[in-house]
Each structure stands twice: as structure tokens, then as C-alpha cells.
């Protein structure tokens, strides 16, 4: 019996929870899926830090423009009214607090909202944190979308991060294939369970203590 959500369903959950009129930055990888699921009648303005405001869904394989890419170097589309700008202007938007939500992937998230998403600390890992550091410091809300566990079955949600940090106490909400979890008062509160997932199963697959919201 299959339990949990597909990552496309998790991306839909994220998109449904983003308020109308929000300015949203999408990180590289799984977060990019969110742009495909803007609800009907809702306007969300997606930002990519290489210089576009008004990013649309990913194009079909034969319709992509190699000169229109996101920060992950993947082909994207631009919605009517979109605007292009310099990289420095893009980071002024981020650092100036003008991005309402930032959706990022994660290697680890701690019980009090620390985020590690750029390096495992291994010798061959990427050498620097990049723009994620600016995003977690400047965006008003940080949302993580990720598989609940690594490919080796190790939990990504832990009491304390062991990988180099992107930011301390920055994560507001975590969306995984098993649950939606809020970070509040240095605790992890489960607000929604995926189909077929019990609280006991979720806790057994999480490396930190969970609390259950009363209306979950």
C-alpha cells in the first residue's frame, strides 16, 4: 500500500498555501515544481534571483528558450507583464525584504528551524553557500519542500543540524511527502498528515520530537 504524497502533490500543497498577491522566490530543484500549480484565479508573482519577476510554468521539452532560464539553469517561461533586471537589483529585492515567501529544498532542518541546504561538508561538496544565505535572511517567510528522508532512509528533520548551516532559526514551515510541519516556539507542530501516514509512523521516521496540532 502506497503512503504519502508524490512530490508534485507536495508542490501543489505549497502553492495552495501561498496567499494571493505574494512575491515568491523558488529555489533550485524540487521547489521549481511549485510554479506549475498556481490555483485558478490567484495571482502569485514568482521571482528568480538571476533577474526575472513574473516567472511562469516550465515549458514543454520542445518549447524552451535556452536564453530564458532560472537560477538553476533550467528553461522557464515569462508571464505577461514579467520584467527582467540586473542580478544586483534582484538581490536588492531579496536583501531589502521585498520577497514574501521563499521556497527552498533542504538537506536538514532542525527542531528550532535551522536550515542546512547547501553542503554536506564532504571534501568534494560545493565550495560556498551562494544566494540561499541572502534568501533566508531577507525573505519574510521561509518554506522548505523536501523528501522526508534521504535516499539512505535517514531523517532530514533532526534535533540539531550536523551539516553547515544556511541560516539559524529561519524556517517557518516544512512540506514533505509525509506531512506538513510548522516550526513554532522552537518546536515542530504537525498540521497535516499525508494519506496513509499515522503520527506514530511519522515520528518513527523523524529525527526530532513532533507535536500534533489539535485540529490535525
Protein backbone atom coordinates (compact mmCIF):
# COMPACT_ATOMS: atom_id res chain seq x y z
CA UNK A 1 0.00 0.00 0.00
CA UNK A 2 1.34 3.38 -1.05
CA UNK A 3 1.53 6.01 1.65
CA UNK A 4 2.35 9.67 1.44
CA UNK A 5 2.24 12.22 -1.38
CA UNK A 6 4.12 12.37 -4.66
CA UNK A 7 6.37 15.43 -4.77
CA UNK A 8 4.08 17.00 -7.37
CA UNK A 9 1.28 16.75 -4.79
CA UNK A 10 3.54 18.32 -2.17
CA UNK A 11 4.26 21.19 -4.58
CA UNK A 12 0.50 21.65 -5.01
CA UNK A 13 0.12 21.84 -1.21
CA UNK A 14 2.73 24.61 -1.12
CA UNK A 15 1.08 26.53 -3.97
CA UNK A 16 -2.35 26.34 -2.33
CA UNK A 17 -0.99 27.83 0.90
CA UNK A 18 0.70 30.86 -0.68
CA UNK A 19 -1.60 33.90 -0.38
CA UNK A 20 -2.87 35.83 -3.38
CA UNK A 21 -0.57 38.65 -4.47
CA UNK A 22 2.57 37.21 -2.87
CA UNK A 23 6.07 37.69 -4.26
CA UNK A 24 7.75 34.29 -4.12
CA UNK A 25 11.28 33.05 -4.78
CA UNK A 26 11.65 29.40 -5.75
CA UNK A 27 14.89 27.59 -5.00
CA UNK A 28 16.64 25.13 -7.29
CA UNK A 29 15.32 21.58 -7.68
CA UNK A 30 12.06 20.40 -6.12
CA UNK A 31 10.90 23.98 -5.27
CA UNK A 32 10.72 24.72 -9.01
CA UNK A 33 7.65 22.43 -9.23
CA UNK A 34 5.56 24.94 -7.26
CA UNK A 35 5.34 27.34 -10.23
CA UNK A 36 3.23 24.77 -12.11
CA UNK A 37 0.42 24.80 -9.52
CA UNK A 38 -0.85 28.35 -9.07
CA UNK A 39 -4.57 27.95 -8.24
CA UNK A 40 -7.13 29.26 -10.71
CA UNK A 41 -7.94 32.92 -10.09
CA UNK A 42 -4.95 33.54 -7.83
CA UNK A 43 -2.02 35.77 -8.75
CA UNK A 44 1.39 34.83 -7.39
CA UNK A 45 4.48 36.62 -8.70
CA UNK A 46 7.43 34.25 -8.90
CA UNK A 47 10.97 35.61 -8.67
CA UNK A 48 14.22 34.01 -9.74
CA UNK A 49 17.41 35.59 -8.44
CA UNK A 50 19.15 35.68 -11.81
CA UNK A 51 16.82 38.54 -12.75
CA UNK A 52 13.16 37.82 -13.53
CA UNK A 53 9.94 38.76 -11.77
CA UNK A 54 6.90 37.03 -13.26
CA UNK A 55 8.24 33.54 -13.89
CA UNK A 56 5.71 31.10 -15.32
CA UNK A 57 5.47 27.31 -15.56
CA UNK A 58 8.20 25.13 -17.01
CA UNK A 59 7.78 24.89 -20.82
CA UNK A 60 7.41 21.64 -22.71
CA UNK A 61 10.65 19.99 -23.81
CA UNK A 62 10.40 21.30 -27.39
CA UNK A 63 9.26 24.83 -26.49
CA UNK A 64 12.03 26.01 -24.16
CA UNK A 65 14.14 29.08 -24.92
CA UNK A 66 17.79 28.42 -23.92
CA UNK A 67 18.21 32.14 -23.24
CA UNK A 68 15.30 32.20 -20.76
CA UNK A 69 16.43 30.22 -17.72
CA UNK A 70 16.09 30.28 -13.94
CA UNK A 71 18.86 30.28 -11.34
CA UNK A 72 19.15 26.52 -11.75
CA UNK A 73 19.85 26.97 -15.49
CA UNK A 74 16.57 25.33 -16.48
CA UNK A 75 14.29 26.71 -19.18
CA UNK A 76 11.32 28.67 -17.87
CA UNK A 77 8.55 30.89 -19.21
CA UNK A 78 7.77 34.55 -18.55
CA UNK A 79 4.17 35.57 -17.88
CA UNK A 80 2.58 38.68 -19.44
CA UNK A 81 3.85 41.72 -17.54
CA UNK A 82 7.05 40.00 -16.40
CA UNK A 83 10.17 42.12 -16.05
CA UNK A 84 13.88 41.43 -16.37
CA UNK A 85 16.61 43.15 -14.37
CA UNK A 86 20.22 43.06 -13.27
CA UNK A 87 21.46 40.43 -10.82
CA UNK A 88 22.34 43.17 -8.32
CA UNK A 89 18.80 44.58 -8.48
CA UNK A 90 17.44 41.09 -7.90
CA UNK A 91 19.46 40.71 -4.71
CA UNK A 92 18.38 44.19 -3.61
CA UNK A 93 14.80 42.88 -3.71
CA UNK A 94 15.85 39.88 -1.61
CA UNK A 95 18.01 41.74 0.91
CA UNK A 96 15.53 44.60 1.15
CA UNK A 97 12.78 42.33 2.49
CA UNK A 98 10.55 42.55 -0.60
CA UNK A 99 10.10 38.78 -1.10
CA UNK A 100 7.11 37.44 0.83
CA UNK A 101 7.92 33.72 0.58
CA UNK A 102 10.99 31.74 -0.31
CA UNK A 103 10.58 28.04 -1.08
CA UNK A 104 13.80 26.06 -0.63
CA UNK A 105 14.98 22.48 -0.62
CA UNK A 106 16.81 21.05 2.38
CA UNK A 107 19.48 18.62 3.43
CA UNK A 108 18.50 19.06 7.09
CA UNK A 109 16.07 21.15 9.14
CA UNK A 110 16.41 21.30 12.92
CA UNK A 111 13.69 21.35 15.57
CA UNK A 112 14.12 25.09 16.04
CA UNK A 113 14.15 25.96 12.34
CA UNK A 114 17.84 25.92 11.46
CA UNK A 115 18.34 25.15 7.77
CA UNK A 116 21.20 23.32 6.08
CA UNK A 117 20.71 23.10 2.33
CA UNK A 118 23.98 23.76 0.54
CA UNK A 119 26.68 21.31 1.67
CA UNK A 120 27.20 18.01 3.43
CA UNK A 121 30.67 19.14 4.46
CA UNK A 122 32.33 16.47 2.33
CA UNK A 123 35.64 17.37 0.60
CA UNK A 124 34.03 17.34 -2.87
CA UNK A 125 30.99 19.40 -1.81
CA UNK A 126 30.26 22.78 -3.40
CA UNK A 127 32.62 25.44 -2.01
CA UNK A 128 30.19 28.18 -0.90
CA UNK A 129 26.62 28.77 0.20
CA UNK A 130 25.52 31.07 -2.64
CA UNK A 131 22.29 33.09 -2.74
CA UNK A 132 20.39 30.88 -0.28
CA UNK A 133 22.11 32.73 2.56
CA UNK A 134 20.65 36.03 1.34
CA UNK A 135 17.23 34.48 0.82
CA UNK A 136 16.88 33.05 4.33
CA UNK A 137 17.99 36.39 5.80
CA UNK A 138 15.84 38.63 3.58
CA UNK A 139 12.60 36.81 2.71
CA UNK A 140 9.67 37.27 5.11
CA UNK A 141 8.73 33.56 5.23
CA UNK A 142 10.93 30.54 4.58
CA UNK A 143 9.20 27.37 3.42
CA UNK A 144 11.01 24.06 2.90
CA UNK A 145 9.85 21.40 0.44
CA UNK A 146 11.70 18.11 0.56
CA UNK A 147 11.51 14.36 0.78
CA UNK A 148 11.08 13.40 4.44
CA UNK A 149 14.14 11.13 4.39
CA UNK A 150 17.35 10.78 2.41
CA UNK A 151 17.88 8.06 -0.20
CA UNK A 152 19.53 6.06 2.59
CA UNK A 153 16.46 6.38 4.81
CA UNK A 154 17.97 8.90 7.22
CA UNK A 155 15.64 11.64 8.50
CA UNK A 156 16.11 15.14 7.14
CA UNK A 157 14.24 16.69 10.09
CA UNK A 158 16.56 16.43 13.08
CA UNK A 159 17.05 17.86 16.57
CA UNK A 160 20.30 19.58 15.55
CA UNK A 161 21.77 20.02 12.08
CA UNK A 162 25.12 18.34 11.52
CA UNK A 163 25.72 19.92 8.10
CA UNK A 164 26.94 23.52 7.55
CA UNK A 165 24.06 25.94 8.14
CA UNK A 166 22.43 28.21 5.61
CA UNK A 167 20.65 30.12 8.40
CA UNK A 168 19.66 29.79 12.06
CA UNK A 169 16.01 29.68 13.14
CA UNK A 170 14.79 30.73 9.71
CA UNK A 171 12.32 28.00 8.63
CA UNK A 172 8.61 28.65 9.18
CA UNK A 173 7.05 25.58 7.59
CA UNK A 174 8.19 22.21 6.20
CA UNK A 175 6.37 20.29 3.46
CA UNK A 176 7.43 16.67 2.89
CA UNK A 177 5.96 13.61 1.22
CA UNK A 178 4.68 12.53 4.66
CA UNK A 179 3.38 15.68 6.36
CA UNK A 180 3.15 19.44 6.69
CA UNK A 181 5.01 20.65 9.78
CA UNK A 182 5.14 24.13 11.29
CA UNK A 183 8.12 25.44 13.25
CA UNK A 184 6.77 27.41 16.23
CA UNK A 185 8.35 28.29 19.57
CA UNK A 186 11.37 26.07 18.84
CA UNK A 187 9.09 23.06 18.34
CA UNK A 188 7.77 21.08 15.40
CA UNK A 189 3.99 21.01 15.07
CA UNK A 190 2.32 18.60 12.63
CA UNK A 191 -0.56 20.40 10.90
CA UNK A 192 -1.36 17.83 8.19
CA UNK A 193 -0.61 14.15 7.60
CA UNK A 194 -0.34 12.64 4.13
CA UNK A 195 -2.72 9.80 3.18
CA UNK A 196 -1.85 6.55 4.93
CA UNK A 197 0.60 8.21 7.33
CA UNK A 198 -0.03 7.90 11.07
CA UNK A 199 1.52 10.18 13.65
CA UNK A 200 3.42 7.19 15.04
CA UNK A 201 4.88 6.36 11.62
CA UNK A 202 5.83 9.99 11.07
CA UNK A 203 7.55 10.22 14.46
CA UNK A 204 9.47 7.00 13.82
CA UNK A 205 10.82 8.48 10.59
CA UNK A 206 11.72 11.88 12.06
CA UNK A 207 14.91 12.68 13.95
CA UNK A 208 13.25 15.23 16.25
CA UNK A 209 10.30 15.28 18.65
CA UNK A 210 7.00 16.19 16.99
CA UNK A 211 3.84 17.76 18.43
CA UNK A 212 0.39 17.25 16.93
CA UNK A 213 -1.88 20.23 16.28
CA UNK A 214 -5.29 19.72 17.89
CA UNK A 215 -7.15 20.13 14.57
CA UNK A 216 -4.84 17.89 12.52
